[in-house]
PDB file of all heavy atoms in Angstrom:
ATOM      1  N   TYR A   1      -9.419   1.553  -9.851  1.00  0.00           N
ATOM      2  CA  TYR A   1      -9.334   0.584 -10.955  1.00  0.00           C
ATOM      3  C   TYR A   1     -10.533   0.723 -11.866  1.00  0.00           C
ATOM      4  O   TYR A   1     -10.466   0.679 -13.072  1.00  0.00           O
ATOM      5  CB  TYR A   1      -9.220  -0.824 -10.425  1.00  0.00           C
ATOM      6  CG  TYR A   1      -7.861  -1.213  -9.891  1.00  0.00           C
ATOM      7  CD1 TYR A   1      -6.888  -0.247  -9.619  1.00  0.00           C
ATOM      8  CD2 TYR A   1      -7.519  -2.537  -9.681  1.00  0.00           C
ATOM      9  CE1 TYR A   1      -5.611  -0.593  -9.152  1.00  0.00           C
ATOM     10  CE2 TYR A   1      -6.258  -2.898  -9.206  1.00  0.00           C
ATOM     11  CZ  TYR A   1      -5.329  -1.931  -8.927  1.00  0.00           C
ATOM     12  OH  TYR A   1      -4.109  -2.284  -8.449  1.00  0.00           O
ATOM     13  N   LEU A   2     -11.718   0.860 -11.227  1.00  0.00           N
ATOM     14  CA  LEU A   2     -12.921   0.983 -12.038  1.00  0.00           C
ATOM     15  C   LEU A   2     -12.901   2.293 -12.817  1.00  0.00           C
ATOM     16  O   LEU A   2     -13.349   2.323 -13.989  1.00  0.00           O
ATOM     17  CB  LEU A   2     -14.158   0.942 -11.107  1.00  0.00           C
ATOM     18  CG  LEU A   2     -15.515   1.074 -11.772  1.00  0.00           C
ATOM     19  CD1 LEU A   2     -15.712  -0.035 -12.807  1.00  0.00           C
ATOM     20  CD2 LEU A   2     -16.613   1.005 -10.728  1.00  0.00           C
ATOM     21  N   HIS A   3     -12.437   3.369 -12.239  1.00  0.00           N
ATOM     22  CA  HIS A   3     -12.342   4.656 -12.937  1.00  0.00           C
ATOM     23  C   HIS A   3     -11.387   4.562 -14.113  1.00  0.00           C
ATOM     24  O   HIS A   3     -11.692   5.077 -15.217  1.00  0.00           O
ATOM     25  CB  HIS A   3     -11.882   5.750 -11.960  1.00  0.00           C
ATOM     26  CG  HIS A   3     -11.747   7.105 -12.632  1.00  0.00           C
ATOM     27  ND1 HIS A   3     -12.823   7.799 -13.121  1.00  0.00           N
ATOM     28  CD2 HIS A   3     -10.646   7.839 -12.920  1.00  0.00           C
ATOM     29  CE1 HIS A   3     -12.397   8.940 -13.663  1.00  0.00           C
ATOM     30  NE2 HIS A   3     -11.065   8.991 -13.526  1.00  0.00           N
ATOM     31  N   LEU A   4     -10.277   3.903 -13.935  1.00  0.00           N
ATOM     32  CA  LEU A   4      -9.325   3.745 -15.044  1.00  0.00           C
ATOM     33  C   LEU A   4      -9.964   2.971 -16.205  1.00  0.00           C
ATOM     34  O   LEU A   4      -9.727   3.269 -17.395  1.00  0.00           O
ATOM     35  CB  LEU A   4      -8.053   3.032 -14.625  1.00  0.00           C
ATOM     36  CG  LEU A   4      -7.194   3.818 -13.590  1.00  0.00           C
ATOM     37  CD1 LEU A   4      -5.977   2.957 -13.214  1.00  0.00           C
ATOM     38  CD2 LEU A   4      -6.729   5.136 -14.171  1.00  0.00           C
ATOM     39  N   LEU A   5     -10.770   1.954 -15.866  1.00  0.00           N
ATOM     40  CA  LEU A   5     -11.438   1.186 -16.878  1.00  0.00           C
ATOM     41  C   LEU A   5     -12.525   2.019 -17.587  1.00  0.00           C
ATOM     42  O   LEU A   5     -12.585   2.075 -18.821  1.00  0.00           O
ATOM     43  CB  LEU A   5     -12.048  -0.061 -16.249  1.00  0.00           C
ATOM     44  CG  LEU A   5     -12.849  -0.984 -17.213  1.00  0.00           C
ATOM     45  CD1 LEU A   5     -11.996  -1.522 -18.317  1.00  0.00           C
ATOM     46  CD2 LEU A   5     -13.464  -2.127 -16.418  1.00  0.00           C
ATOM     47  N   ASP A   6     -13.354   2.664 -16.825  1.00  0.00           N
ATOM     48  CA  ASP A   6     -14.455   3.434 -17.348  1.00  0.00           C
ATOM     49  C   ASP A   6     -13.975   4.633 -18.159  1.00  0.00           C
ATOM     50  O   ASP A   6     -14.536   4.931 -19.237  1.00  0.00           O
ATOM     51  CB  ASP A   6     -15.416   3.889 -16.271  1.00  0.00           C
ATOM     52  CG  ASP A   6     -16.277   2.780 -15.745  1.00  0.00           C
ATOM     53  OD1 ASP A   6     -16.275   1.687 -16.328  1.00  0.00           O
ATOM     54  OD2 ASP A   6     -16.973   3.006 -14.705  1.00  0.00           O
ATOM     55  N   ALA A   7     -13.044   5.404 -17.628  1.00  0.00           N
ATOM     56  CA  ALA A   7     -12.635   6.649 -18.221  1.00  0.00           C
ATOM     57  C   ALA A   7     -11.578   6.531 -19.294  1.00  0.00           C
ATOM     58  O   ALA A   7     -11.536   7.320 -20.224  1.00  0.00           O
ATOM     59  CB  ALA A   7     -12.196   7.646 -17.144  1.00  0.00           C
ATOM     60  N   TYR A   8     -10.689   5.526 -19.139  1.00  0.00           N
ATOM     61  CA  TYR A   8      -9.514   5.466 -20.032  1.00  0.00           C
ATOM     62  C   TYR A   8      -9.372   4.119 -20.746  1.00  0.00           C
ATOM     63  O   TYR A   8      -8.414   3.948 -21.523  1.00  0.00           O
ATOM     64  CB  TYR A   8      -8.240   5.791 -19.216  1.00  0.00           C
ATOM     65  CG  TYR A   8      -8.330   7.095 -18.483  1.00  0.00           C
ATOM     66  CD1 TYR A   8      -8.477   7.119 -17.103  1.00  0.00           C
ATOM     67  CD2 TYR A   8      -8.260   8.316 -19.159  1.00  0.00           C
ATOM     68  CE1 TYR A   8      -8.571   8.332 -16.414  1.00  0.00           C
ATOM     69  CE2 TYR A   8      -8.348   9.532 -18.475  1.00  0.00           C
ATOM     70  CZ  TYR A   8      -8.497   9.522 -17.131  1.00  0.00           C
ATOM     71  OH  TYR A   8      -8.611  10.728 -16.467  1.00  0.00           O
ATOM     72  N   GLY A   9     -10.236   3.170 -20.457  1.00  0.00           N
ATOM     73  CA  GLY A   9     -10.103   1.852 -21.087  1.00  0.00           C
ATOM     74  C   GLY A   9      -8.922   1.071 -20.573  1.00  0.00           C
ATOM     75  O   GLY A   9      -8.496   0.127 -21.220  1.00  0.00           O
ATOM     76  N   ILE A  10      -8.385   1.400 -19.426  1.00  0.00           N
ATOM     77  CA  ILE A  10      -7.228   0.689 -18.853  1.00  0.00           C
ATOM     78  C   ILE A  10      -7.784  -0.406 -17.937  1.00  0.00           C
ATOM     79  O   ILE A  10      -8.309  -0.092 -16.850  1.00  0.00           O
ATOM     80  CB  ILE A  10      -6.322   1.642 -18.066  1.00  0.00           C
ATOM     81  CG1 ILE A  10      -5.744   2.705 -18.970  1.00  0.00           C
ATOM     82  CG2 ILE A  10      -5.172   0.859 -17.384  1.00  0.00           C
ATOM     83  CD1 ILE A  10      -4.923   3.793 -18.229  1.00  0.00           C
ATOM     84  N   ARG A  11      -7.664  -1.639 -18.343  1.00  0.00           N
ATOM     85  CA  ARG A  11      -8.196  -2.777 -17.561  1.00  0.00           C
ATOM     86  C   ARG A  11      -7.022  -3.456 -16.885  1.00  0.00           C
ATOM     87  O   ARG A  11      -6.076  -3.909 -17.527  1.00  0.00           O
ATOM     88  CB  ARG A  11      -8.895  -3.737 -18.512  1.00  0.00           C
ATOM     89  CG  ARG A  11      -9.531  -4.934 -17.773  1.00  0.00           C
ATOM     90  CD  ARG A  11     -10.043  -5.983 -18.793  1.00  0.00           C
ATOM     91  NE  ARG A  11     -11.061  -5.373 -19.643  1.00  0.00           N
ATOM     92  CZ  ARG A  11     -12.385  -5.320 -19.312  1.00  0.00           C
ATOM     93  NH1 ARG A  11     -12.778  -5.791 -18.162  1.00  0.00           N
ATOM     94  NH2 ARG A  11     -13.240  -4.760 -20.157  1.00  0.00           N
ATOM     95  N   ILE A  12      -7.059  -3.520 -15.559  1.00  0.00           N
ATOM     96  CA  ILE A  12      -6.026  -4.176 -14.817  1.00  0.00           C
ATOM     97  C   ILE A  12      -6.214  -5.696 -14.989  1.00  0.00           C
ATOM     98  O   ILE A  12      -7.226  -6.230 -14.566  1.00  0.00           O
ATOM     99  CB  ILE A  12      -6.038  -3.769 -13.308  1.00  0.00           C
ATOM    100  CG1 ILE A  12      -5.851  -2.272 -13.166  1.00  0.00           C
ATOM    101  CG2 ILE A  12      -4.937  -4.529 -12.555  1.00  0.00           C
ATOM    102  CD1 ILE A  12      -4.599  -1.719 -13.862  1.00  0.00           C
ATOM    103  N   ALA A  13      -5.196  -6.313 -15.602  1.00  0.00           N
ATOM    104  CA  ALA A  13      -5.321  -7.733 -15.901  1.00  0.00           C
ATOM    105  C   ALA A  13      -4.410  -8.629 -15.043  1.00  0.00           C
ATOM    106  O   ALA A  13      -4.647  -9.828 -14.926  1.00  0.00           O
ATOM    107  CB  ALA A  13      -4.941  -7.958 -17.369  1.00  0.00           C
ATOM    108  N   ALA A  14      -3.393  -8.042 -14.416  1.00  0.00           N
ATOM    109  CA  ALA A  14      -2.499  -8.852 -13.580  1.00  0.00           C
ATOM    110  C   ALA A  14      -1.863  -7.920 -12.539  1.00  0.00           C
ATOM    111  O   ALA A  14      -1.615  -6.740 -12.799  1.00  0.00           O
ATOM    112  CB  ALA A  14      -1.394  -9.483 -14.456  1.00  0.00           C
ATOM    113  N   ILE A  15      -1.559  -8.512 -11.383  1.00  0.00           N
ATOM    114  CA  ILE A  15      -0.958  -7.771 -10.324  1.00  0.00           C
ATOM    115  C   ILE A  15       0.205  -8.581  -9.743  1.00  0.00           C
ATOM    116  O   ILE A  15       0.053  -9.788  -9.486  1.00  0.00           O
ATOM    117  CB  ILE A  15      -1.942  -7.435  -9.180  1.00  0.00           C
ATOM    118  CG1 ILE A  15      -2.979  -6.400  -9.702  1.00  0.00           C
ATOM    119  CG2 ILE A  15      -1.221  -6.862  -7.945  1.00  0.00           C
ATOM    120  CD1 ILE A  15      -4.049  -6.084  -8.685  1.00  0.00           C
ATOM    121  N   ARG A  16       1.335  -7.930  -9.536  1.00  0.00           N
ATOM    122  CA  ARG A  16       2.487  -8.573  -8.943  1.00  0.00           C
ATOM    123  C   ARG A  16       2.789  -7.837  -7.637  1.00  0.00           C
ATOM    124  O   ARG A  16       2.894  -6.617  -7.639  1.00  0.00           O
ATOM    125  CB  ARG A  16       3.711  -8.525  -9.869  1.00  0.00           C
ATOM    126  CG  ARG A  16       4.967  -9.172  -9.276  1.00  0.00           C
ATOM    127  CD  ARG A  16       6.133  -9.053 -10.198  1.00  0.00           C
ATOM    128  NE  ARG A  16       7.322  -9.692  -9.664  1.00  0.00           N
ATOM    129  CZ  ARG A  16       8.539  -9.625 -10.213  1.00  0.00           C
ATOM    130  NH1 ARG A  16       8.698  -8.924 -11.322  1.00  0.00           N
ATOM    131  NH2 ARG A  16       9.542 -10.225  -9.645  1.00  0.00           N
ATOM    132  N   GLU A  17       2.944  -8.580  -6.550  1.00  0.00           N
ATOM    133  CA  GLU A  17       3.156  -7.972  -5.256  1.00  0.00           C
ATOM    134  C   GLU A  17       4.404  -8.541  -4.587  1.00  0.00           C
ATOM    135  O   GLU A  17       4.712  -9.727  -4.690  1.00  0.00           O
ATOM    136  CB  GLU A  17       1.962  -8.217  -4.339  1.00  0.00           C
ATOM    137  CG  GLU A  17       0.661  -7.562  -4.827  1.00  0.00           C
ATOM    138  CD  GLU A  17      -0.526  -7.966  -3.985  1.00  0.00           C
ATOM    139  OE1 GLU A  17      -0.507  -9.088  -3.401  1.00  0.00           O
ATOM    140  OE2 GLU A  17      -1.482  -7.166  -3.937  1.00  0.00           O
ATOM    141  N   LYS A  18       5.087  -7.641  -3.866  1.00  0.00           N
ATOM    142  CA  LYS A  18       6.236  -8.047  -3.047  1.00  0.00           C
ATOM    143  C   LYS A  18       5.891  -7.625  -1.613  1.00  0.00           C
ATOM    144  O   LYS A  18       5.621  -6.429  -1.387  1.00  0.00           O
ATOM    145  CB  LYS A  18       7.518  -7.399  -3.533  1.00  0.00           C
ATOM    146  CG  LYS A  18       8.742  -7.785  -2.717  1.00  0.00           C
ATOM    147  CD  LYS A  18       9.999  -7.116  -3.278  1.00  0.00           C
ATOM    148  CE  LYS A  18      11.222  -7.500  -2.477  1.00  0.00           C
ATOM    149  NZ  LYS A  18      12.441  -6.848  -3.023  1.00  0.00           N
ATOM    150  N   LEU A  19       5.875  -8.553  -0.680  1.00  0.00           N
ATOM    151  CA  LEU A  19       5.493  -8.283   0.691  1.00  0.00           C
ATOM    152  C   LEU A  19       6.688  -8.347   1.606  1.00  0.00           C
ATOM    153  O   LEU A  19       7.548  -9.230   1.464  1.00  0.00           O
ATOM    154  CB  LEU A  19       4.432  -9.293   1.167  1.00  0.00           C
ATOM    155  CG  LEU A  19       2.997  -9.018   0.798  1.00  0.00           C
ATOM    156  CD1 LEU A  19       2.761  -9.167  -0.722  1.00  0.00           C
ATOM    157  CD2 LEU A  19       2.041  -9.921   1.534  1.00  0.00           C
ATOM    158  N   MET A  20       6.746  -7.432   2.581  1.00  0.00           N
ATOM    159  CA  MET A  20       7.826  -7.411   3.557  1.00  0.00           C
ATOM    160  C   MET A  20       7.330  -6.714   4.816  1.00  0.00           C
ATOM    161  O   MET A  20       6.303  -6.059   4.807  1.00  0.00           O
ATOM    162  CB  MET A  20       9.077  -6.697   2.997  1.00  0.00           C
ATOM    163  CG  MET A  20       8.863  -5.228   2.637  1.00  0.00           C
ATOM    164  SD  MET A  20      10.126  -4.598   1.503  1.00  0.00           S
ATOM    165  CE  MET A  20       9.553  -5.385  -0.015  1.00  0.00           C
ATOM    166  N   ALA A  21       8.095  -6.844   5.877  1.00  0.00           N
ATOM    167  CA  ALA A  21       7.788  -6.119   7.128  1.00  0.00           C
ATOM    168  C   ALA A  21       8.881  -5.099   7.382  1.00  0.00           C
ATOM    169  O   ALA A  21      10.054  -5.376   7.108  1.00  0.00           O
ATOM    170  CB  ALA A  21       7.705  -7.124   8.263  1.00  0.00           C
ATOM    171  N   GLU A  22       8.450  -3.931   7.827  1.00  0.00           N
ATOM    172  CA  GLU A  22       9.402  -2.863   8.182  1.00  0.00           C
ATOM    173  C   GLU A  22       8.940  -2.193   9.483  1.00  0.00           C
ATOM    174  O   GLU A  22       7.774  -2.264   9.840  1.00  0.00           O
ATOM    175  CB  GLU A  22       9.470  -1.800   7.044  1.00  0.00           C
ATOM    176  CG  GLU A  22      10.059  -2.289   5.747  1.00  0.00           C
ATOM    177  CD  GLU A  22      10.174  -1.201   4.718  1.00  0.00           C
ATOM    178  OE1 GLU A  22       9.784  -0.028   5.007  1.00  0.00           O
ATOM    179  OE2 GLU A  22      10.621  -1.482   3.591  1.00  0.00           O
ATOM    180  N   LEU A  23       9.889  -1.508  10.114  1.00  0.00           N
ATOM    181  CA  LEU A  23       9.545  -0.722  11.257  1.00  0.00           C
ATOM    182  C   LEU A  23       8.743   0.465  10.776  1.00  0.00           C
ATOM    183  O   LEU A  23       9.013   1.053   9.775  1.00  0.00           O
ATOM    184  CB  LEU A  23      10.799  -0.243  11.982  1.00  0.00           C
ATOM    185  CG  LEU A  23      11.481  -1.269  12.894  1.00  0.00           C
ATOM    186  CD1 LEU A  23      12.785  -0.651  13.440  1.00  0.00           C
ATOM    187  CD2 LEU A  23      10.565  -1.694  14.041  1.00  0.00           C
ATOM    188  N   ALA A  24       7.697   0.793  11.519  1.00  0.00           N
ATOM    189  CA  ALA A  24       6.882   1.956  11.156  1.00  0.00           C
ATOM    190  C   ALA A  24       7.730   3.226  11.264  1.00  0.00           C
ATOM    191  O   ALA A  24       8.400   3.448  12.268  1.00  0.00           O
ATOM    192  CB  ALA A  24       5.661   2.020  12.067  1.00  0.00           C
ATOM    193  N   ASP A  25       7.634   4.040  10.231  1.00  0.00           N
ATOM    194  CA  ASP A  25       8.326   5.344  10.285  1.00  0.00           C
ATOM    195  C   ASP A  25       7.390   6.396  10.875  1.00  0.00           C
ATOM    196  O   ASP A  25       6.278   6.114  11.258  1.00  0.00           O
ATOM    197  CB  ASP A  25       8.874   5.734   8.908  1.00  0.00           C
ATOM    198  CG  ASP A  25       7.785   5.878   7.869  1.00  0.00           C
ATOM    199  OD1 ASP A  25       6.598   6.112   8.217  1.00  0.00           O
ATOM    200  OD2 ASP A  25       8.101   5.747   6.625  1.00  0.00           O
ATOM    201  N   LYS A  26       7.876   7.639  10.899  1.00  0.00           N
ATOM    202  CA  LYS A  26       7.102   8.709  11.557  1.00  0.00           C
ATOM    203  C   LYS A  26       5.765   8.913  10.821  1.00  0.00           C
ATOM    204  O   LYS A  26       4.744   9.076  11.451  1.00  0.00           O
ATOM    205  CB  LYS A  26       7.932  10.019  11.475  1.00  0.00           C
ATOM    206  CG  LYS A  26       7.248  11.160  12.170  1.00  0.00           C
ATOM    207  CD  LYS A  26       8.206  12.376  12.166  1.00  0.00           C
ATOM    208  CE  LYS A  26       7.550  13.564  12.886  1.00  0.00           C
ATOM    209  NZ  LYS A  26       8.454  14.769  12.877  1.00  0.00           N
ATOM    210  N   GLU A  27       5.737   8.835   9.480  1.00  0.00           N
ATOM    211  CA  GLU A  27       4.517   8.990   8.737  1.00  0.00           C
ATOM    212  C   GLU A  27       3.539   7.876   9.007  1.00  0.00           C
ATOM    213  O   GLU A  27       2.316   8.099   9.157  1.00  0.00           O
ATOM    214  CB  GLU A  27       4.803   9.109   7.234  1.00  0.00           C
ATOM    215  CG  GLU A  27       3.567   9.364   6.378  1.00  0.00           C
ATOM    216  CD  GLU A  27       3.886   9.532   4.927  1.00  0.00           C
ATOM    217  OE1 GLU A  27       4.472   8.600   4.318  1.00  0.00           O
ATOM    218  OE2 GLU A  27       3.561  10.567   4.364  1.00  0.00           O
ATOM    219  N   ASP A  28       4.047   6.635   9.053  1.00  0.00           N
ATOM    220  CA  ASP A  28       3.217   5.473   9.367  1.00  0.00           C
ATOM    221  C   ASP A  28       2.529   5.682  10.719  1.00  0.00           C
ATOM    222  O   ASP A  28       1.313   5.464  10.878  1.00  0.00           O
ATOM    223  CB  ASP A  28       4.023   4.204   9.414  1.00  0.00           C
ATOM    224  CG  ASP A  28       4.642   3.810   8.083  1.00  0.00           C
ATOM    225  OD1 ASP A  28       4.049   4.125   7.058  1.00  0.00           O
ATOM    226  OD2 ASP A  28       5.715   3.189   8.088  1.00  0.00           O
ATOM    227  N   ARG A  29       3.336   6.093  11.683  1.00  0.00           N
ATOM    228  CA  ARG A  29       2.785   6.204  13.064  1.00  0.00           C
ATOM    229  C   ARG A  29       1.712   7.312  13.106  1.00  0.00           C
ATOM    230  O   ARG A  29       0.693   7.180  13.788  1.00  0.00           O
ATOM    231  CB  ARG A  29       3.921   6.532  14.053  1.00  0.00           C
ATOM    232  CG  ARG A  29       4.900   5.357  14.215  1.00  0.00           C
ATOM    233  CD  ARG A  29       5.796   5.534  15.402  1.00  0.00           C
ATOM    234  NE  ARG A  29       6.613   6.732  15.343  1.00  0.00           N
ATOM    235  CZ  ARG A  29       7.823   6.814  14.816  1.00  0.00           C
ATOM    236  NH1 ARG A  29       8.352   5.698  14.257  1.00  0.00           N
ATOM    237  NH2 ARG A  29       8.498   7.938  14.795  1.00  0.00           N
ATOM    238  N   ARG A  30       1.927   8.399  12.360  1.00  0.00           N
ATOM    239  CA  ARG A  30       0.967   9.504  12.382  1.00  0.00           C
ATOM    240  C   ARG A  30      -0.342   9.120  11.657  1.00  0.00           C
ATOM    241  O   ARG A  30      -1.431   9.329  12.179  1.00  0.00           O
ATOM    242  CB  ARG A  30       1.610  10.718  11.668  1.00  0.00           C
ATOM    243  CG  ARG A  30       0.624  11.917  11.580  1.00  0.00           C
ATOM    244  CD  ARG A  30       1.315  13.139  11.014  1.00  0.00           C
ATOM    245  NE  ARG A  30       1.902  12.881   9.662  1.00  0.00           N
ATOM    246  CZ  ARG A  30       1.217  12.989   8.534  1.00  0.00           C
ATOM    247  NH1 ARG A  30      -0.084  13.335   8.575  1.00  0.00           N
ATOM    248  NH2 ARG A  30       1.795  12.793   7.364  1.00  0.00           N
ATOM    249  N   LEU A  31      -0.203   8.530  10.484  1.00  0.00           N
ATOM    250  CA  LEU A  31      -1.408   8.200   9.678  1.00  0.00           C
ATOM    251  C   LEU A  31      -2.182   7.001  10.180  1.00  0.00           C
ATOM    252  O   LEU A  31      -3.385   6.918  10.052  1.00  0.00           O
ATOM    253  CB  LEU A  31      -1.031   8.001   8.215  1.00  0.00           C
ATOM    254  CG  LEU A  31      -0.467   9.239   7.474  1.00  0.00           C
ATOM    255  CD1 LEU A  31      -0.034   8.851   6.085  1.00  0.00           C
ATOM    256  CD2 LEU A  31      -1.578  10.288   7.392  1.00  0.00           C
ATOM    257  N   LEU A  32      -1.484   6.058  10.798  1.00  0.00           N
ATOM    258  CA  LEU A  32      -2.124   4.798  11.225  1.00  0.00           C
ATOM    259  C   LEU A  32      -2.305   4.743  12.748  1.00  0.00           C
ATOM    260  O   LEU A  32      -2.740   3.711  13.287  1.00  0.00           O
ATOM    261  CB  LEU A  32      -1.317   3.588  10.747  1.00  0.00           C
ATOM    262  CG  LEU A  32      -1.089   3.515   9.225  1.00  0.00           C
ATOM    263  CD1 LEU A  32      -0.246   2.303   8.878  1.00  0.00           C
ATOM    264  CD2 LEU A  32      -2.419   3.487   8.475  1.00  0.00           C
ATOM    265  N   ALA A  33      -1.998   5.848  13.400  1.00  0.00           N
ATOM    266  CA  ALA A  33      -2.180   5.920  14.880  1.00  0.00           C
ATOM    267  C   ALA A  33      -1.467   4.833  15.603  1.00  0.00           C
ATOM    268  O   ALA A  33      -2.037   4.059  16.432  1.00  0.00           O
ATOM    269  CB  ALA A  33      -3.662   5.946  15.212  1.00  0.00           C
ATOM    270  N   LEU A  34      -0.168   4.657  15.292  1.00  0.00           N
ATOM    271  CA  LEU A  34       0.645   3.587  15.872  1.00  0.00           C
ATOM    272  C   LEU A  34       1.554   4.124  16.944  1.00  0.00           C
ATOM    273  O   LEU A  34       2.069   5.257  16.807  1.00  0.00           O
ATOM    274  CB  LEU A  34       1.471   2.885  14.785  1.00  0.00           C
ATOM    275  CG  LEU A  34       0.695   2.217  13.618  1.00  0.00           C
ATOM    276  CD1 LEU A  34       1.665   1.678  12.623  1.00  0.00           C
ATOM    277  CD2 LEU A  34      -0.194   1.118  14.170  1.00  0.00           C
ATOM    278  N   ALA A  35       1.794   3.318  17.938  1.00  0.00           N
ATOM    279  CA  ALA A  35       2.799   3.649  18.965  1.00  0.00           C
ATOM    280  C   ALA A  35       4.177   3.325  18.423  1.00  0.00           C
ATOM    281  O   ALA A  35       4.324   2.621  17.415  1.00  0.00           O
ATOM    282  CB  ALA A  35       2.511   2.907  20.232  1.00  0.00           C
ATOM    283  N   SER A  36       5.186   3.822  19.090  1.00  0.00           N
ATOM    284  CA  SER A  36       6.566   3.521  18.693  1.00  0.00           C
ATOM    285  C   SER A  36       7.247   2.724  19.799  1.00  0.00           C
ATOM    286  O   SER A  36       7.083   3.032  20.991  1.00  0.00           O
ATOM    287  CB  SER A  36       7.326   4.823  18.456  1.00  0.00           C
ATOM    288  OG  SER A  36       8.673   4.550  18.092  1.00  0.00           O
ATOM    289  N   PRO A  37       7.941   1.635  19.459  1.00  0.00           N
ATOM    290  CA  PRO A  37       8.167   1.089  18.109  1.00  0.00           C
ATOM    291  C   PRO A  37       6.986   0.236  17.669  1.00  0.00           C
ATOM    292  O   PRO A  37       6.231  -0.277  18.500  1.00  0.00           O
ATOM    293  CB  PRO A  37       9.426   0.281  18.252  1.00  0.00           C
ATOM    294  CG  PRO A  37       9.360  -0.238  19.677  1.00  0.00           C
ATOM    295  CD  PRO A  37       8.733   0.886  20.452  1.00  0.00           C
ATOM    296  N   ASN A  38       6.843   0.025  16.373  1.00  0.00           N
ATOM    297  CA  ASN A  38       5.798  -0.800  15.811  1.00  0.00           C
ATOM    298  C   ASN A  38       6.243  -1.252  14.436  1.00  0.00           C
ATOM    299  O   ASN A  38       7.206  -0.725  13.868  1.00  0.00           O
ATOM    300  CB  ASN A  38       4.477  -0.043  15.715  1.00  0.00           C
ATOM    301  CG  ASN A  38       3.273  -0.904  16.032  1.00  0.00           C
ATOM    302  OD1 ASN A  38       3.160  -1.986  15.524  1.00  0.00           O
ATOM    303  ND2 ASN A  38       2.427  -0.428  16.956  1.00  0.00           N
ATOM    304  N   ALA A  39       5.540  -2.221  13.886  1.00  0.00           N
ATOM    305  CA  ALA A  39       5.855  -2.738  12.567  1.00  0.00           C
ATOM    306  C   ALA A  39       4.695  -2.534  11.621  1.00  0.00           C
ATOM    307  O   ALA A  39       3.535  -2.467  12.060  1.00  0.00           O
ATOM    308  CB  ALA A  39       6.210  -4.209  12.626  1.00  0.00           C
ATOM    309  N   VAL A  40       5.005  -2.451  10.345  1.00  0.00           N
ATOM    310  CA  VAL A  40       3.962  -2.376   9.344  1.00  0.00           C
ATOM    311  C   VAL A  40       4.227  -3.413   8.243  1.00  0.00           C
ATOM    312  O   VAL A  40       5.373  -3.771   7.993  1.00  0.00           O
ATOM    313  CB  VAL A  40       3.853  -0.984   8.695  1.00  0.00           C
ATOM    314  CG1 VAL A  40       3.332   0.021   9.698  1.00  0.00           C
ATOM    315  CG2 VAL A  40       5.175  -0.545   8.093  1.00  0.00           C
ATOM    316  N   LEU A  41       3.151  -3.871   7.603  1.00  0.00           N
ATOM    317  CA  LEU A  41       3.246  -4.711   6.449  1.00  0.00           C
ATOM    318  C   LEU A  41       3.394  -3.808   5.238  1.00  0.00           C
ATOM    319  O   LEU A  41       2.609  -2.877   5.055  1.00  0.00           O
ATOM    320  CB  LEU A  41       2.021  -5.574   6.261  1.00  0.00           C
ATOM    321  CG  LEU A  41       1.899  -6.390   4.980  1.00  0.00           C
ATOM    322  CD1 LEU A  41       2.957  -7.479   4.956  1.00  0.00           C
ATOM    323  CD2 LEU A  41       0.509  -7.000   4.877  1.00  0.00           C
ATOM    324  N   VAL A  42       4.428  -4.026   4.418  1.00  0.00           N
ATOM    325  CA  VAL A  42       4.657  -3.218   3.235  1.00  0.00           C
ATOM    326  C   VAL A  42       4.362  -4.098   1.977  1.00  0.00           C
ATOM    327  O   VAL A  42       4.897  -5.196   1.831  1.00  0.00           O
ATOM    328  CB  VAL A  42       6.120  -2.706   3.152  1.00  0.00           C
ATOM    329  CG1 VAL A  42       6.355  -1.879   1.903  1.00  0.00           C
ATOM    330  CG2 VAL A  42       6.429  -1.858   4.406  1.00  0.00           C
ATOM    331  N   ILE A  43       3.494  -3.575   1.121  1.00  0.00           N
ATOM    332  CA  ILE A  43       3.119  -4.297  -0.096  1.00  0.00           C
ATOM    333  C   ILE A  43       3.523  -3.411  -1.278  1.00  0.00           C
ATOM    334  O   ILE A  43       2.971  -2.336  -1.476  1.00  0.00           O
ATOM    335  CB  ILE A  43       1.604  -4.538  -0.153  1.00  0.00           C
ATOM    336  CG1 ILE A  43       1.113  -5.251   1.104  1.00  0.00           C
ATOM    337  CG2 ILE A  43       1.250  -5.356  -1.401  1.00  0.00           C
ATOM    338  CD1 ILE A  43      -0.373  -5.228   1.296  1.00  0.00           C
ATOM    339  N   ARG A  44       4.530  -3.850  -2.024  1.00  0.00           N
ATOM    340  CA  ARG A  44       4.932  -3.121  -3.213  1.00  0.00           C
ATOM    341  C   ARG A  44       4.281  -3.809  -4.407  1.00  0.00           C
ATOM    342  O   ARG A  44       4.525  -4.997  -4.684  1.00  0.00           O
ATOM    343  CB  ARG A  44       6.462  -3.096  -3.337  1.00  0.00           C
ATOM    344  CG  ARG A  44       7.061  -2.241  -2.229  1.00  0.00           C
ATOM    345  CD  ARG A  44       8.534  -2.119  -2.235  1.00  0.00           C
ATOM    346  NE  ARG A  44       8.969  -1.285  -1.134  1.00  0.00           N
ATOM    347  CZ  ARG A  44      10.192  -1.235  -0.636  1.00  0.00           C
ATOM    348  NH1 ARG A  44      11.136  -2.027  -1.167  1.00  0.00           N
ATOM    349  NH2 ARG A  44      10.491  -0.426   0.380  1.00  0.00           N
ATOM    350  N   GLU A  45       3.478  -3.068  -5.066  1.00  0.00           N
ATOM    351  CA  GLU A  45       2.529  -3.628  -6.059  1.00  0.00           C
ATOM    352  C   GLU A  45       2.771  -3.042  -7.427  1.00  0.00           C
ATOM    353  O   GLU A  45       2.913  -1.859  -7.620  1.00  0.00           O
ATOM    354  CB  GLU A  45       1.130  -3.362  -5.599  1.00  0.00           C
ATOM    355  CG  GLU A  45       0.047  -3.764  -6.534  1.00  0.00           C
ATOM    356  CD  GLU A  45      -1.314  -3.252  -6.074  1.00  0.00           C
ATOM    357  OE1 GLU A  45      -1.703  -3.512  -4.962  1.00  0.00           O
ATOM    358  OE2 GLU A  45      -1.989  -2.550  -6.874  1.00  0.00           O
TER     359      GLU A  45
END
């Protein structure tokens, strides 16, 4: 966010988020070192 402001003049003024829970997929388990099954918090922003 700071880079966008400094380099391009793009200032983040508002954020809208949608939160949900999903089962961790294969990528989630690999990157977050999760066992299976597991859940992750999903934030769509």
